[in-house]
C-alpha cells in the first residue's frame, strides 16, 4: 500500500490545491492525500507541516464501516 501525506497549517488541513490557491478544511478525513514530494512542496509554500497518514486495510464482512 502506498504512503499518503497531508499538509496541516495550524488546525487546518489542505483540502484542495488550485494553483496558486489552497482550500482548507478543519476536518482531517476531508484532507487531500498527497505523495511526499507534493506534500513537502505545498507545506513549504504555505508554511505548514507534512504529516504521514497511517492507512490500514479493513475487511468488510457485509457491514457498513465508518471511520
PDB file of N, CA and C in Angstrom:
ATOM      1  N   UNK A   1       0.837  -1.166   0.000  1.00  0.00           N
ATOM      2  CA  UNK A   1       0.000   0.000   0.000  1.00  0.00           C
ATOM      3  C   UNK A   1       0.892   1.242   0.000  1.00  0.00           C
ATOM      4  N   UNK A   2       0.547   2.188  -0.821  1.00  0.00           N
ATOM      5  CA  UNK A   2       1.340   3.400  -0.974  1.00  0.00           C
ATOM      6  C   UNK A   2       1.129   4.353   0.207  1.00  0.00           C
ATOM      7  N   UNK A   3       2.181   5.070   0.587  1.00  0.00           N
ATOM      8  CA  UNK A   3       2.071   6.039   1.673  1.00  0.00           C
ATOM      9  C   UNK A   3       1.301   7.276   1.217  1.00  0.00           C
ATOM     10  N   UNK A   4       0.599   7.900   2.151  1.00  0.00           N
ATOM     11  CA  UNK A   4      -0.148   9.122   1.865  1.00  0.00           C
ATOM     12  C   UNK A   4       0.229  10.160   2.922  1.00  0.00           C
ATOM     13  N   UNK A   5       0.196  11.412   2.527  1.00  0.00           N
ATOM     14  CA  UNK A   5       0.572  12.505   3.415  1.00  0.00           C
ATOM     15  C   UNK A   5      -0.457  13.621   3.311  1.00  0.00           C
ATOM     16  N   UNK A   6      -0.622  14.358   4.425  1.00  0.00           N
ATOM     17  CA  UNK A   6      -1.480  15.535   4.426  1.00  0.00           C
ATOM     18  C   UNK A   6      -0.641  16.725   4.870  1.00  0.00           C
ATOM     19  N   UNK A   7      -1.094  17.915   4.509  1.00  0.00           N
ATOM     20  CA  UNK A   7      -0.415  19.145   4.916  1.00  0.00           C
ATOM     21  C   UNK A   7      -1.323  19.867   5.895  1.00  0.00           C
ATOM     22  N   UNK A   8      -0.746  20.232   7.048  1.00  0.00           N
ATOM     23  CA  UNK A   8      -1.506  20.892   8.105  1.00  0.00           C
ATOM     24  C   UNK A   8      -0.895  22.253   8.393  1.00  0.00           C
ATOM     25  N   UNK A   9      -1.753  23.245   8.520  1.00  0.00           N
ATOM     26  CA  UNK A   9      -1.340  24.605   8.864  1.00  0.00           C
ATOM     27  C   UNK A   9      -2.195  25.028  10.052  1.00  0.00           C
ATOM     28  N   UNK A  10      -1.585  25.046  11.242  1.00  0.00           N
ATOM     29  CA  UNK A  10      -2.362  25.320  12.446  1.00  0.00           C
ATOM     30  C   UNK A  10      -3.323  24.179  12.691  1.00  0.00           C
ATOM     31  N   UNK A  11      -4.633  24.473  12.731  1.00  0.00           N
ATOM     32  CA  UNK A  11      -5.619  23.407  12.898  1.00  0.00           C
ATOM     33  C   UNK A  11      -6.394  23.142  11.605  1.00  0.00           C
ATOM     34  N   UNK A  12      -5.839  23.582  10.477  1.00  0.00           N
ATOM     35  CA  UNK A  12      -6.481  23.386   9.178  1.00  0.00           C
ATOM     36  C   UNK A  12      -5.649  22.461   8.291  1.00  0.00           C
ATOM     37  N   UNK A  13      -6.335  21.680   7.487  1.00  0.00           N
ATOM     38  CA  UNK A  13      -5.699  20.773   6.539  1.00  0.00           C
ATOM     39  C   UNK A  13      -5.968  21.258   5.126  1.00  0.00           C
ATOM     40  N   UNK A  14      -5.027  21.001   4.218  1.00  0.00           N
ATOM     41  CA  UNK A  14      -5.235  21.350   2.809  1.00  0.00           C
ATOM     42  C   UNK A  14      -6.304  20.410   2.246  1.00  0.00           C
ATOM     43  N   UNK A  15      -7.371  21.009   1.710  1.00  0.00           N
ATOM     44  CA  UNK A  15      -8.491  20.264   1.155  1.00  0.00           C
ATOM     45  C   UNK A  15      -8.363  20.120  -0.359  1.00  0.00           C
ATOM     46  N   UNK A  16      -7.898  21.183  -1.004  1.00  0.00           N
ATOM     47  CA  UNK A  16      -7.794  21.187  -2.457  1.00  0.00           C
ATOM     48  C   UNK A  16      -6.694  22.154  -2.874  1.00  0.00           C
ATOM     49  N   UNK A  17      -5.921  21.766  -3.865  1.00  0.00           N
ATOM     50  CA  UNK A  17      -4.851  22.614  -4.382  1.00  0.00           C
ATOM     51  C   UNK A  17      -5.280  23.136  -5.751  1.00  0.00           C
ATOM     52  N   UNK A  18      -5.481  24.450  -5.835  1.00  0.00           N
ATOM     53  CA  UNK A  18      -5.818  25.111  -7.094  1.00  0.00           C
ATOM     54  C   UNK A  18      -4.791  26.219  -7.242  1.00  0.00           C
ATOM     55  N   UNK A  19      -3.701  25.915  -7.941  1.00  0.00           N
ATOM     56  CA  UNK A  19      -2.580  26.868  -8.015  1.00  0.00           C
ATOM     57  C   UNK A  19      -3.053  28.234  -8.441  1.00  0.00           C
ATOM     58  N   UNK A  20      -2.673  29.275  -7.787  1.00  0.00           N
ATOM     59  CA  UNK A  20      -1.813  29.373  -6.616  1.00  0.00           C
ATOM     60  C   UNK A  20      -2.588  29.398  -5.299  1.00  0.00           C
ATOM     61  N   UNK A  21      -3.827  28.900  -5.278  1.00  0.00           N
ATOM     62  CA  UNK A  21      -4.663  28.954  -4.079  1.00  0.00           C
ATOM     63  C   UNK A  21      -4.826  27.578  -3.453  1.00  0.00           C
ATOM     64  N   UNK A  22      -5.161  27.573  -2.154  1.00  0.00           N
ATOM     65  CA  UNK A  22      -5.376  26.340  -1.409  1.00  0.00           C
ATOM     66  C   UNK A  22      -6.677  26.470  -0.634  1.00  0.00           C
ATOM     67  N   UNK A  23      -7.569  25.496  -0.799  1.00  0.00           N
ATOM     68  CA  UNK A  23      -8.774  25.448   0.017  1.00  0.00           C
ATOM     69  C   UNK A  23      -8.444  24.613   1.237  1.00  0.00           C
ATOM     70  N   UNK A  24      -8.908  25.054   2.406  1.00  0.00           N
ATOM     71  CA  UNK A  24      -8.574  24.395   3.662  1.00  0.00           C
ATOM     72  C   UNK A  24      -9.836  23.841   4.318  1.00  0.00           C
ATOM     73  N   UNK A  25      -9.645  22.839   5.194  1.00  0.00           N
ATOM     74  CA  UNK A  25     -10.733  22.261   5.969  1.00  0.00           C
ATOM     75  C   UNK A  25     -10.239  21.980   7.378  1.00  0.00           C
ATOM     76  N   UNK A  26     -11.165  21.966   8.315  1.00  0.00           N
ATOM     77  CA  UNK A  26     -10.794  21.641   9.692  1.00  0.00           C
ATOM     78  C   UNK A  26     -11.043  20.169  10.003  1.00  0.00           C
ATOM     79  N   UNK A  27     -11.569  19.419   9.055  1.00  0.00           N
ATOM     80  CA  UNK A  27     -11.892  18.007   9.249  1.00  0.00           C
ATOM     81  C   UNK A  27     -10.807  17.158   8.588  1.00  0.00           C
ATOM     82  N   UNK A  28     -10.123  16.361   9.403  1.00  0.00           N
ATOM     83  CA  UNK A  28      -8.964  15.596   8.919  1.00  0.00           C
ATOM     84  C   UNK A  28      -9.325  14.625   7.808  1.00  0.00           C
ATOM     85  N   UNK A  29     -10.475  13.980   7.872  1.00  0.00           N
ATOM     86  CA  UNK A  29     -10.800  12.983   6.847  1.00  0.00           C
ATOM     87  C   UNK A  29     -11.157  13.601   5.501  1.00  0.00           C
ATOM     88  N   UNK A  30     -11.380  14.915   5.463  1.00  0.00           N
ATOM     89  CA  UNK A  30     -11.636  15.609   4.199  1.00  0.00           C
ATOM     90  C   UNK A  30     -10.358  16.134   3.556  1.00  0.00           C
ATOM     91  N   UNK A  31      -9.238  15.958   4.233  1.00  0.00           N
ATOM     92  CA  UNK A  31      -7.963  16.474   3.729  1.00  0.00           C
ATOM     93  C   UNK A  31      -7.572  15.785   2.432  1.00  0.00           C
ATOM     94  N   UNK A  32      -6.819  16.496   1.629  1.00  0.00           N
ATOM     95  CA  UNK A  32      -6.315  15.982   0.355  1.00  0.00           C
ATOM     96  C   UNK A  32      -5.075  15.133   0.638  1.00  0.00           C
ATOM     97  N   UNK A  33      -5.084  13.864   0.203  1.00  0.00           N
ATOM     98  CA  UNK A  33      -3.943  12.981   0.399  1.00  0.00           C
ATOM     99  C   UNK A  33      -2.992  13.141  -0.775  1.00  0.00           C
ATOM    100  N   UNK A  34      -1.732  13.429  -0.460  1.00  0.00           N
ATOM    101  CA  UNK A  34      -0.727  13.715  -1.479  1.00  0.00           C
ATOM    102  C   UNK A  34       0.443  12.768  -1.348  1.00  0.00           C
ATOM    103  N   UNK A  35       1.265  12.682  -2.404  1.00  0.00           N
ATOM    104  CA  UNK A  35       2.519  11.950  -2.265  1.00  0.00           C
ATOM    105  C   UNK A  35       3.500  12.868  -1.531  1.00  0.00           C
ATOM    106  N   UNK A  36       4.613  12.311  -1.066  1.00  0.00           N
ATOM    107  CA  UNK A  36       5.510  13.066  -0.197  1.00  0.00           C
ATOM    108  C   UNK A  36       6.063  14.325  -0.857  1.00  0.00           C
ATOM    109  N   UNK A  37       6.516  14.221  -2.099  1.00  0.00           N
ATOM    110  CA  UNK A  37       7.123  15.379  -2.764  1.00  0.00           C
ATOM    111  C   UNK A  37       6.135  16.526  -2.928  1.00  0.00           C
ATOM    112  N   UNK A  38       4.907  16.220  -3.326  1.00  0.00           N
ATOM    113  CA  UNK A  38       3.879  17.251  -3.499  1.00  0.00           C
ATOM    114  C   UNK A  38       3.500  17.842  -2.147  1.00  0.00           C
ATOM    115  N   UNK A  39       3.398  17.010  -1.118  1.00  0.00           N
ATOM    116  CA  UNK A  39       3.066  17.491   0.218  1.00  0.00           C
ATOM    117  C   UNK A  39       4.159  18.413   0.765  1.00  0.00           C
ATOM    118  N   UNK A  40       5.415  18.029   0.552  1.00  0.00           N
ATOM    119  CA  UNK A  40       6.545  18.838   1.022  1.00  0.00           C
ATOM    120  C   UNK A  40       6.565  20.194   0.323  1.00  0.00           C
ATOM    121  N   UNK A  41       6.345  20.180  -0.983  1.00  0.00           N
ATOM    122  CA  UNK A  41       6.321  21.418  -1.767  1.00  0.00           C
ATOM    123  C   UNK A  41       5.175  22.337  -1.306  1.00  0.00           C
ATOM    124  N   UNK A  42       4.010  21.760  -1.084  1.00  0.00           N
ATOM    125  CA  UNK A  42       2.850  22.531  -0.622  1.00  0.00           C
ATOM    126  C   UNK A  42       3.103  23.104   0.764  1.00  0.00           C
ATOM    127  N   UNK A  43       3.644  22.294   1.668  1.00  0.00           N
ATOM    128  CA  UNK A  43       3.929  22.749   3.029  1.00  0.00           C
ATOM    129  C   UNK A  43       4.928  23.894   3.044  1.00  0.00           C
ATOM    130  N   UNK A  44       5.949  23.808   2.216  1.00  0.00           N
ATOM    131  CA  UNK A  44       6.947  24.876   2.151  1.00  0.00           C
ATOM    132  C   UNK A  44       6.341  26.171   1.628  1.00  0.00           C
ATOM    133  N   UNK A  45       5.425  26.070   0.680  1.00  0.00           N
ATOM    134  CA  UNK A  45       4.849  27.286   0.094  1.00  0.00           C
ATOM    135  C   UNK A  45       3.857  27.980   1.030  1.00  0.00           C
ATOM    136  N   UNK A  46       3.186  27.239   1.912  1.00  0.00           N
ATOM    137  CA  UNK A  46       2.216  27.873   2.815  1.00  0.00           C
ATOM    138  C   UNK A  46       2.702  27.954   4.257  1.00  0.00           C
ATOM    139  N   UNK A  47       3.866  27.365   4.545  1.00  0.00           N
ATOM    140  CA  UNK A  47       4.400  27.421   5.901  1.00  0.00           C
ATOM    141  C   UNK A  47       3.791  26.388   6.822  1.00  0.00           C
ATOM    142  N   UNK A  48       3.292  25.286   6.266  1.00  0.00           N
ATOM    143  CA  UNK A  48       2.672  24.229   7.065  1.00  0.00           C
ATOM    144  C   UNK A  48       3.632  23.084   7.317  1.00  0.00           C
ATOM    145  N   UNK A  49       3.088  21.997   7.861  1.00  0.00           N
ATOM    146  CA  UNK A  49       3.872  20.798   8.150  1.00  0.00           C
ATOM    147  C   UNK A  49       3.261  19.600   7.435  1.00  0.00           C
ATOM    148  N   UNK A  50       4.115  18.617   7.128  1.00  0.00           N
ATOM    149  CA  UNK A  50       3.685  17.397   6.452  1.00  0.00           C
ATOM    150  C   UNK A  50       3.486  16.305   7.504  1.00  0.00           C
ATOM    151  N   UNK A  51       2.354  15.610   7.418  1.00  0.00           N
ATOM    152  CA  UNK A  51       2.063  14.500   8.316  1.00  0.00           C
ATOM    153  C   UNK A  51       1.754  13.259   7.503  1.00  0.00           C
ATOM    154  N   UNK A  52       2.340  12.126   7.915  1.00  0.00           N
ATOM    155  CA  UNK A  52       2.087  10.852   7.253  1.00  0.00           C
ATOM    156  C   UNK A  52       0.766  10.291   7.769  1.00  0.00           C
ATOM    157  N   UNK A  53      -0.044   9.784   6.857  1.00  0.00           N
ATOM    158  CA  UNK A  53      -1.321   9.180   7.216  1.00  0.00           C
ATOM    159  C   UNK A  53      -1.128   7.668   7.271  1.00  0.00           C
ATOM    160  N   UNK A  54      -1.543   7.068   8.369  1.00  0.00           N
ATOM    161  CA  UNK A  54      -1.434   5.620   8.513  1.00  0.00           C
ATOM    162  C   UNK A  54      -2.669   4.999   7.861  1.00  0.00           C
ATOM    163  N   UNK A  55      -2.422   4.251   6.794  1.00  0.00           N
ATOM    164  CA  UNK A  55      -3.506   3.586   6.074  1.00  0.00           C
ATOM    165  C   UNK A  55      -3.533   2.118   6.475  1.00  0.00           C
ATOM    166  N   UNK A  56      -4.718   1.611   6.715  1.00  0.00           N
ATOM    167  CA  UNK A  56      -4.832   0.196   7.009  1.00  0.00           C
ATOM    168  C   UNK A  56      -5.990  -0.392   6.213  1.00  0.00           C
ATOM    169  N   UNK A  57      -5.816  -1.616   5.792  1.00  0.00           N
ATOM    170  CA  UNK A  57      -6.852  -2.284   5.036  1.00  0.00           C
ATOM    171  C   UNK A  57      -7.893  -2.804   6.011  1.00  0.00           C
ATOM    172  N   UNK A  58      -9.142  -2.555   5.703  1.00  0.00           N
ATOM    173  CA  UNK A  58     -10.228  -3.009   6.564  1.00  0.00           C
ATOM    174  C   UNK A  58     -11.046  -4.024   5.786  1.00  0.00           C
ATOM    175  N   UNK A  59     -11.245  -5.186   6.383  1.00  0.00           N
ATOM    176  CA  UNK A  59     -12.033  -6.224   5.730  1.00  0.00           C
ATOM    177  C   UNK A  59     -13.496  -5.978   6.074  1.00  0.00           C
ATOM    178  N   UNK A  60     -14.301  -5.802   5.059  1.00  0.00           N
ATOM    179  CA  UNK A  60     -15.720  -5.546   5.242  1.00  0.00           C
ATOM    180  C   UNK A  60     -16.470  -6.864   5.140  1.00  0.00           C
ATOM    181  N   UNK A  61     -17.140  -7.238   6.215  1.00  0.00           N
ATOM    182  CA  UNK A  61     -17.871  -8.507   6.245  1.00  0.00           C
ATOM    183  C   UNK A  61     -19.361  -8.275   6.071  1.00  0.00           C
ATOM    184  N   UNK A  62     -19.722  -7.469   5.095  1.00  0.00           N
ATOM    185  CA  UNK A  62     -21.131  -7.204   4.842  1.00  0.00           C
ATOM    186  C   UNK A  62     -21.720  -6.146   5.737  1.00  0.00           C
ATOM    187  N   UNK A  63     -20.895  -5.494   6.530  1.00  0.00           N
ATOM    188  CA  UNK A  63     -21.352  -4.447   7.429  1.00  0.00           C
ATOM    189  C   UNK A  63     -20.848  -3.112   6.930  1.00  0.00           C
ATOM    190  N   UNK A  64     -21.538  -2.067   7.289  1.00  0.00           N
ATOM    191  CA  UNK A  64     -21.096  -0.725   6.912  1.00  0.00           C
ATOM    192  C   UNK A  64     -20.037  -0.288   7.909  1.00  0.00           C
ATOM    193  N   UNK A  65     -18.878   0.105   7.408  1.00  0.00           N
ATOM    194  CA  UNK A  65     -17.762   0.527   8.260  1.00  0.00           C
ATOM    195  C   UNK A  65     -17.574   2.029   8.122  1.00  0.00           C
ATOM    196  N   UNK A  66     -17.699   2.739   9.203  1.00  0.00           N
ATOM    197  CA  UNK A  66     -17.457   4.182   9.210  1.00  0.00           C
ATOM    198  C   UNK A  66     -16.208   4.441  10.031  1.00  0.00           C
ATOM    199  N   UNK A  67     -15.300   5.199   9.480  1.00  0.00           N
ATOM    200  CA  UNK A  67     -14.056   5.533  10.199  1.00  0.00           C
ATOM    201  C   UNK A  67     -13.804   6.991  10.090  1.00  0.00           C
TER     202      UNK A  67
END
